[in-house]
N, C-alpha and C. Protein backbone atom coordinates (compact mmCIF):
# COMPACT_ATOMS: atom_id res chain seq x y z
N MET A 1 0.89 -1.35 -0.09
CA MET A 1 0.28 0.16 -0.14
C MET A 1 0.88 1.40 -0.38
N THR A 2 0.85 2.50 -0.72
CA THR A 2 1.56 3.56 -0.83
C THR A 2 0.20 4.54 -0.07
N ASP A 3 2.20 5.66 0.90
CA ASP A 3 1.07 6.75 0.96
C ASP A 3 0.17 7.35 0.40
N ALA A 4 -0.68 8.07 0.89
CA ALA A 4 -1.30 8.79 -0.65
C ALA A 4 -1.85 10.30 0.62
N THR A 5 -1.11 10.59 1.00
CA THR A 5 -0.70 11.76 1.30
C THR A 5 -0.80 12.93 0.80
N PRO A 6 -1.72 14.12 -0.05
CA PRO A 6 -0.86 14.83 -0.34
C PRO A 6 -0.16 15.98 -0.06
N THR A 7 0.86 16.18 -1.17
CA THR A 7 1.78 16.75 -0.44
C THR A 7 1.54 18.40 -0.83
N PRO A 8 1.70 19.39 -0.96
CA PRO A 8 1.51 20.05 -1.05
C PRO A 8 1.55 20.21 -2.02
N ALA A 9 2.90 20.14 -2.81
CA ALA A 9 2.93 20.27 -4.13
C ALA A 9 1.52 19.80 -5.27
N THR A 10 1.07 18.89 -4.00
CA THR A 10 -0.46 18.56 -5.49
C THR A 10 -0.96 19.18 -5.37
N GLU A 11 -1.38 20.01 -3.95
CA GLU A 11 -2.46 19.72 -3.58
C GLU A 11 -3.18 20.85 -4.21
N ALA A 12 -1.10 22.05 -4.58
CA ALA A 12 -1.60 23.36 -5.66
C ALA A 12 -1.98 22.94 -6.83
N GLY A 13 -2.03 21.95 -7.33
CA GLY A 13 -2.15 21.30 -8.87
C GLY A 13 -0.79 21.38 -9.29
N SER A 14 0.60 21.78 -9.35
CA SER A 14 1.14 22.08 -9.90
C SER A 14 2.66 21.08 -9.73
N THR A 15 3.39 20.93 -9.95
CA THR A 15 4.49 19.99 -9.51
C THR A 15 5.41 21.41 -8.50
N PRO A 16 6.52 20.79 -7.82
CA PRO A 16 7.37 21.80 -6.60
C PRO A 16 8.81 22.45 -8.42
N ASP A 17 9.05 20.99 -9.46
CA ASP A 17 9.36 22.56 -10.39
C ASP A 17 8.75 23.66 -11.65
N ALA A 18 7.20 23.21 -11.23
CA ALA A 18 6.56 24.80 -12.05
C ALA A 18 6.88 25.63 -12.27
N PRO A 19 7.72 26.60 -12.78
CA PRO A 19 7.41 28.10 -12.88
C PRO A 19 6.67 28.56 -11.81
N ASP A 20 7.33 30.30 -11.70
CA ASP A 20 6.32 31.11 -10.95
C ASP A 20 5.91 32.20 -11.72
N TYR A 21 4.90 31.79 -12.17
CA TYR A 21 4.40 33.33 -13.22
C TYR A 21 3.35 34.32 -12.90
N ASP A 22 3.66 34.27 -11.74
CA ASP A 22 3.26 35.39 -10.76
C ASP A 22 5.24 36.53 -11.62
N ALA A 23 5.76 35.90 -10.80
CA ALA A 23 7.37 36.52 -11.17
C ALA A 23 7.95 36.58 -12.66
N MET A 24 6.99 36.10 -13.39
CA MET A 24 7.68 35.81 -14.99
C MET A 24 6.86 37.33 -15.59
N THR A 25 5.53 37.39 -15.22
CA THR A 25 4.35 38.61 -15.94
C THR A 25 4.55 39.95 -15.32
N ARG A 26 4.83 41.11 -16.09
CA ARG A 26 4.61 41.96 -16.00
C ARG A 26 3.71 42.45 -15.83
N ASP A 27 3.25 42.95 -14.15
CA ASP A 27 2.08 43.34 -13.87
C ASP A 27 1.17 44.66 -15.39
N ILE A 28 0.16 45.02 -16.07
CA ILE A 28 -0.10 45.48 -16.62
C ILE A 28 -0.02 47.35 -16.36
N ALA A 29 -0.67 46.99 -14.91
CA ALA A 29 0.11 48.52 -14.21
C ALA A 29 0.88 49.20 -14.65
N ASP A 30 2.11 48.38 -14.17
CA ASP A 30 3.80 48.73 -14.57
C ASP A 30 3.32 49.73 -16.19
N VAL A 31 2.85 49.42 -17.59
CA VAL A 31 3.40 49.50 -18.98
C VAL A 31 2.64 50.88 -18.83
N PRO A 32 4.02 51.59 -19.90
CA PRO A 32 2.64 52.86 -18.99
C PRO A 32 1.96 52.69 -20.66
N ALA A 33 1.02 54.11 -21.09
CA ALA A 33 0.05 54.00 -21.59
C ALA A 33 0.76 53.99 -23.35
N VAL A 34 1.75 54.99 -23.12
CA VAL A 34 2.08 54.92 -24.83
C VAL A 34 2.59 53.86 -25.22
N GLU A 35 3.24 52.16 -24.46
CA GLU A 35 3.46 51.81 -24.59
C GLU A 35 2.18 50.55 -25.66
N VAL A 36 1.86 50.22 -24.40
CA VAL A 36 1.14 48.79 -24.87
C VAL A 36 0.19 50.28 -26.10
N ILE A 37 -0.48 51.77 -27.05
CA ILE A 37 -0.87 51.75 -27.92
C ILE A 37 0.17 51.49 -28.64
N THR A 38 1.37 51.79 -28.85
CA THR A 38 2.06 51.56 -29.72
C THR A 38 2.21 50.61 -30.09
N THR A 39 2.67 49.21 -28.98
CA THR A 39 2.82 47.77 -29.21
C THR A 39 1.50 47.45 -30.35
N VAL A 40 0.25 48.57 -29.78
CA VAL A 40 -1.31 47.37 -30.63
C VAL A 40 -1.25 47.84 -32.19
N ALA A 41 -0.14 48.98 -32.57
CA ALA A 41 -0.18 49.79 -33.37
C ALA A 41 0.62 49.13 -34.61
N VAL A 42 1.69 48.46 -34.10
CA VAL A 42 2.66 47.85 -34.73
C VAL A 42 2.10 46.89 -34.91
N HIS A 43 0.89 46.01 -33.94
CA HIS A 43 1.48 44.15 -34.29
C HIS A 43 -0.65 44.61 -35.25
N LEU A 44 -0.78 45.51 -35.55
CA LEU A 44 -2.38 45.78 -36.37
C LEU A 44 -1.33 46.35 -38.09
N LEU A 45 -0.40 46.68 -37.48
CA LEU A 45 0.30 47.35 -39.21
C LEU A 45 0.88 45.63 -39.63
N SER A 46 1.03 45.55 -39.06
CA SER A 46 2.34 44.52 -39.04
C SER A 46 1.43 43.26 -40.07
N ALA A 47 0.47 42.91 -39.18
CA ALA A 47 -1.01 42.30 -39.69
C ALA A 47 -1.40 42.56 -40.73
N ALA A 48 -1.67 43.60 -41.28
CA ALA A 48 -2.29 44.53 -42.22
C ALA A 48 -0.91 44.30 -43.86
N ALA A 49 0.23 44.08 -43.33
CA ALA A 49 1.66 44.50 -44.21
C ALA A 49 0.89 42.69 -45.02
N VAL A 50 1.07 41.82 -43.81
CA VAL A 50 1.17 41.02 -44.58
C VAL A 50 -0.12 40.22 -44.99
N ASN A 51 -1.31 41.35 -44.68
CA ASN A 51 -2.63 40.75 -45.29
C ASN A 51 -2.81 41.08 -46.35
N LEU A 52 -1.59 42.31 -46.91
CA LEU A 52 -1.46 43.50 -48.10
C LEU A 52 -0.86 41.89 -49.08
N GLY A 53 0.32 40.91 -48.25
CA GLY A 53 1.60 40.88 -49.45
C GLY A 53 2.35 41.07 -49.53
N LEU A 54 3.09 41.84 -48.98
CA LEU A 54 4.27 43.12 -48.71
C LEU A 54 4.81 42.24 -47.56
N ASP A 55 4.99 41.50 -47.33
CA ASP A 55 5.40 39.93 -46.47
C ASP A 55 6.76 39.57 -46.93
N LYS A 56 6.28 38.60 -48.71
CA LYS A 56 7.47 38.48 -49.04
C LYS A 56 6.65 39.30 -50.40
N PRO A 57 7.79 38.26 -52.16
CA PRO A 57 6.65 37.97 -53.58
C PRO A 57 6.44 36.87 -52.71
N ASP A 58 5.17 37.61 -54.10
CA ASP A 58 3.70 36.41 -54.64
C ASP A 58 3.86 35.24 -53.33
N SER A 59 3.07 36.84 -52.29
CA SER A 59 2.48 35.66 -51.01
C SER A 59 1.33 35.27 -50.74
N GLU A 60 0.73 33.62 -50.56
CA GLU A 60 -0.16 32.88 -50.08
C GLU A 60 -1.25 33.77 -48.95
N HIS A 61 -0.69 34.90 -48.23
CA HIS A 61 -1.63 35.30 -46.76
C HIS A 61 -3.08 36.58 -47.91
N LYS A 62 -2.59 37.09 -49.45
CA LYS A 62 -3.04 38.36 -49.41
C LYS A 62 -4.24 37.94 -49.18
N ASP A 63 -5.06 38.92 -48.43
CA ASP A 63 -6.86 38.91 -48.40
C ASP A 63 -7.03 41.02 -48.06
N LEU A 64 -6.95 41.38 -49.02
CA LEU A 64 -8.03 43.23 -48.95
C LEU A 64 -8.61 43.16 -47.91
N ASP A 65 -10.34 42.12 -47.67
CA ASP A 65 -10.91 42.45 -47.31
C ASP A 65 -10.50 41.84 -45.35
N GLU A 66 -9.55 41.57 -45.29
CA GLU A 66 -8.67 41.67 -43.62
C GLU A 66 -7.68 42.90 -43.26
N ALA A 67 -7.02 43.06 -44.63
CA ALA A 67 -6.48 44.05 -44.38
C ALA A 67 -7.44 45.75 -44.83
N ARG A 68 -8.12 45.32 -45.26
CA ARG A 68 -8.91 47.39 -45.04
C ARG A 68 -9.61 47.02 -43.97
N LYS A 69 -9.97 46.42 -43.36
CA LYS A 69 -10.56 46.09 -41.93
C LYS A 69 -9.30 46.91 -40.53
N LEU A 70 -8.28 46.14 -40.48
CA LEU A 70 -6.52 46.28 -39.88
C LEU A 70 -6.09 47.79 -39.93
N ILE A 71 -6.44 48.37 -42.09
CA ILE A 71 -5.71 49.84 -41.57
C ILE A 71 -7.42 50.27 -40.88
N THR A 72 -8.70 50.16 -41.24
CA THR A 72 -9.29 51.23 -41.13
C THR A 72 -9.32 51.26 -39.12
N ALA A 73 -8.94 50.94 -37.96
CA ALA A 73 -9.12 49.45 -37.21
C ALA A 73 -7.08 50.76 -36.51
N LEU A 74 -6.30 50.29 -37.83
CA LEU A 74 -4.97 51.12 -37.55
C LEU A 74 -5.30 53.13 -37.42
N ALA A 75 -5.86 53.53 -38.23
CA ALA A 75 -6.36 54.72 -38.37
C ALA A 75 -7.35 55.15 -37.37
N GLY A 76 -7.60 54.77 -36.99
CA GLY A 76 -8.75 54.78 -35.82
C GLY A 76 -7.60 55.75 -34.15
N LEU A 77 -7.16 53.96 -34.09
CA LEU A 77 -6.25 54.43 -32.93
C LEU A 77 -4.79 55.12 -33.36
N VAL A 78 -4.34 55.35 -34.00
CA VAL A 78 -3.75 56.47 -34.27
C VAL A 78 -4.12 58.09 -34.18
N THR A 79 -5.00 58.25 -35.21
CA THR A 79 -5.56 59.19 -34.99
C THR A 79 -6.26 59.67 -33.61
N ALA A 80 -6.93 58.69 -33.35
CA ALA A 80 -7.60 58.80 -31.65
C ALA A 80 -6.11 59.12 -30.71
N SER A 81 -5.03 58.64 -30.30
CA SER A 81 -4.22 58.63 -29.61
C SER A 81 -3.14 59.52 -30.35
N ALA A 82 -2.76 60.73 -30.95
CA ALA A 82 -2.28 61.45 -31.11
C ALA A 82 -1.87 62.43 -30.33
N THR A 83 -2.28 62.96 -30.19
CA THR A 83 -2.80 63.63 -28.97
C THR A 83 -2.43 63.30 -26.99
N GLU A 84 -2.65 62.41 -27.27
CA GLU A 84 -2.17 61.51 -26.07
C GLU A 84 -0.54 60.95 -26.08
N ILE A 85 -0.49 59.98 -27.81
CA ILE A 85 1.02 59.71 -26.94
C ILE A 85 2.58 60.44 -28.00
N SER A 86 1.49 61.97 -28.11
CA SER A 86 3.70 62.69 -28.98
C SER A 86 2.77 62.73 -30.23
N SER A 87 4.29 63.64 -30.74
CA SER A 87 4.01 63.66 -32.25
C SER A 87 5.31 62.17 -32.35
N PHE A 88 6.06 62.72 -30.86
CA PHE A 88 7.70 61.08 -31.09
C PHE A 88 7.07 59.56 -31.85
N HIS A 89 6.18 59.53 -31.46
CA HIS A 89 5.36 58.61 -31.23
C HIS A 89 4.07 58.09 -32.35
N ALA A 90 3.59 59.08 -32.90
CA ALA A 90 2.70 58.85 -33.42
C ALA A 90 3.12 59.05 -35.20
N ALA A 91 4.19 59.80 -34.99
CA ALA A 91 4.28 60.59 -36.71
C ALA A 91 5.04 59.26 -37.54
N PRO A 92 6.14 58.35 -36.64
CA PRO A 92 6.16 57.10 -37.42
C PRO A 92 4.80 56.73 -37.41
N LEU A 93 4.02 56.67 -36.13
CA LEU A 93 3.17 55.28 -36.75
C LEU A 93 1.85 56.24 -37.77
N ARG A 94 1.72 57.08 -37.95
CA ARG A 94 1.23 57.63 -39.11
C ARG A 94 1.63 56.93 -40.74
N ASP A 95 3.23 57.24 -40.64
CA ASP A 95 4.11 57.08 -41.73
C ASP A 95 3.30 55.67 -41.94
N GLY A 96 3.59 54.72 -41.40
CA GLY A 96 3.33 53.77 -41.99
C GLY A 96 1.93 53.05 -42.28
N LEU A 97 1.49 53.24 -42.01
CA LEU A 97 -0.13 53.72 -41.61
C LEU A 97 -0.34 54.60 -43.58
N LYS A 98 0.17 55.85 -43.64
CA LYS A 98 -0.54 55.92 -45.03
C LYS A 98 0.49 54.80 -45.96
N SER A 99 1.83 54.68 -45.73
CA SER A 99 2.27 53.63 -46.19
C SER A 99 1.41 52.30 -46.76
N LEU A 100 0.29 52.08 -45.47
CA LEU A 100 -0.37 50.99 -46.04
C LEU A 100 -1.61 51.00 -46.64
N GLN A 101 -1.93 52.67 -47.07
CA GLN A 101 -2.46 52.59 -46.99
C GLN A 101 -2.75 52.80 -48.81
N LEU A 102 -1.57 53.41 -49.24
CA LEU A 102 -0.77 53.14 -50.57
C LEU A 102 -0.88 52.55 -50.46
N ALA A 103 -0.42 51.49 -51.09
CA ALA A 103 -0.29 49.45 -50.62
C ALA A 103 -0.74 48.74 -51.26
N PHE A 104 -2.53 49.85 -50.01
CA PHE A 104 -3.89 48.64 -50.51
C PHE A 104 -4.37 49.80 -51.57
N ARG A 105 -4.25 51.18 -52.43
CA ARG A 105 -5.07 51.36 -53.69
C ARG A 105 -4.45 50.75 -54.58
N GLU A 106 -3.10 50.18 -54.71
CA GLU A 106 -2.08 49.73 -55.60
C GLU A 106 -2.86 48.12 -55.52
N ALA A 107 -3.23 48.24 -54.18
CA ALA A 107 -3.67 45.98 -54.32
C ALA A 107 -4.43 45.93 -55.02
N LEU A 108 -5.16 47.21 -55.36
CA LEU A 108 -7.38 47.25 -55.88
C LEU A 108 -7.20 47.01 -57.21
N ILE A 109 -7.69 45.85 -58.20
CA ILE A 109 -7.92 46.05 -59.25
C ILE A 109 -8.79 48.36 -59.41
N VAL A 110 -9.58 48.00 -59.14
CA VAL A 110 -10.41 48.92 -59.12
C VAL A 110 -10.44 50.59 -57.93
N PRO A 111 -9.35 50.86 -57.73
CA PRO A 111 -9.82 51.86 -56.55
C PRO A 111 -10.35 52.61 -56.06
N ASP A 112 -10.74 52.92 -55.16
CA ASP A 112 -11.38 53.12 -54.26
C ASP A 112 -11.50 54.42 -54.09
N GLU A 113 -12.06 55.51 -54.94
CA GLU A 113 -12.41 57.05 -54.78
C GLU A 113 -11.91 57.32 -53.16
N PRO A 114 -10.88 58.36 -53.94
CA PRO A 114 -9.96 58.49 -52.41
C PRO A 114 -11.11 59.62 -51.42
N GLY A 115 -11.10 59.08 -50.55
CA GLY A 115 -11.50 59.66 -48.88
C GLY A 115 -12.31 58.39 -48.80
N GLN A 116 -13.04 57.06 -49.65
CA GLN A 116 -13.60 55.50 -49.28
C GLN A 116 -12.83 54.68 -48.83
N GLY A 117 -10.96 54.82 -49.24
CA GLY A 117 -10.28 53.42 -48.85
C GLY A 117 -10.29 52.84 -46.92
N PRO A 118 -9.89 52.66 -47.12
CA PRO A 118 -9.51 52.06 -45.95
C PRO A 118 -8.85 52.87 -45.28
N GLY A 119 -9.51 53.54 -43.49
CA GLY A 119 -9.13 54.53 -43.24
C GLY A 119 -9.12 56.20 -43.42
N GLU A 120 -9.41 56.19 -44.17
CA GLU A 120 -9.92 57.49 -44.90
C GLU A 120 -10.50 58.53 -44.44
N LYS A 121 -11.01 57.72 -44.02
CA LYS A 121 -12.56 58.91 -42.11
C LYS A 121 -12.32 59.18 -41.52
N PHE A 122 -11.42 58.59 -41.28
CA PHE A 122 -10.40 59.26 -40.18
C PHE A 122 -9.17 60.46 -40.39
N THR A 123 -7.93 59.95 -41.28
CA THR A 123 -6.67 60.44 -41.25
C THR A 123 -8.15 61.55 -43.08
N GLY A 124 -8.54 61.17 -43.03
CA GLY A 124 -8.23 62.06 -44.43
C GLY A 124 -8.32 62.05 -45.85
N PRO A 125 -8.35 61.73 -47.35
CA PRO A 125 -7.86 61.31 -48.11
C PRO A 125 -6.79 61.18 -48.70
N VAL A 126 -6.20 60.25 -49.33
CA VAL A 126 -4.08 59.25 -49.35
C VAL A 126 -4.27 59.41 -50.74
N TYR A 127 -3.32 60.18 -51.16
CA TYR A 127 -2.92 60.43 -52.57
C TYR A 127 -0.55 60.04 -53.00
N SER A 128 -1.14 59.44 -53.90
CA SER A 128 0.17 58.18 -53.75
C SER A 128 0.01 59.39 -54.71
């Protein structure tokens, strides 16, 4: 017969070698807002670029409908947060956004009218 008395490690449902996740995670309250906003913006930029097929020639991930949604979300975020994150952080995001808007316009067979492209309701018309 074996000893079935639970040890403290098994009572908690973990092993003695389990990592301390509390020590490994950064408390979200300690992250400055500008860092959260720019991180989200960079993720939106990256995802839109991949959906536009800009990640590599002959990309198999091209999806203009998804790219339109991501670019519009990015435009809303950048426009709404620009005064909060300062020009130092907002200017490169605006440049990246404009590049995506132009790339989107070039990817369309029949381009949107100026002012009707993704995010242009937030940024105004984008011309090449």
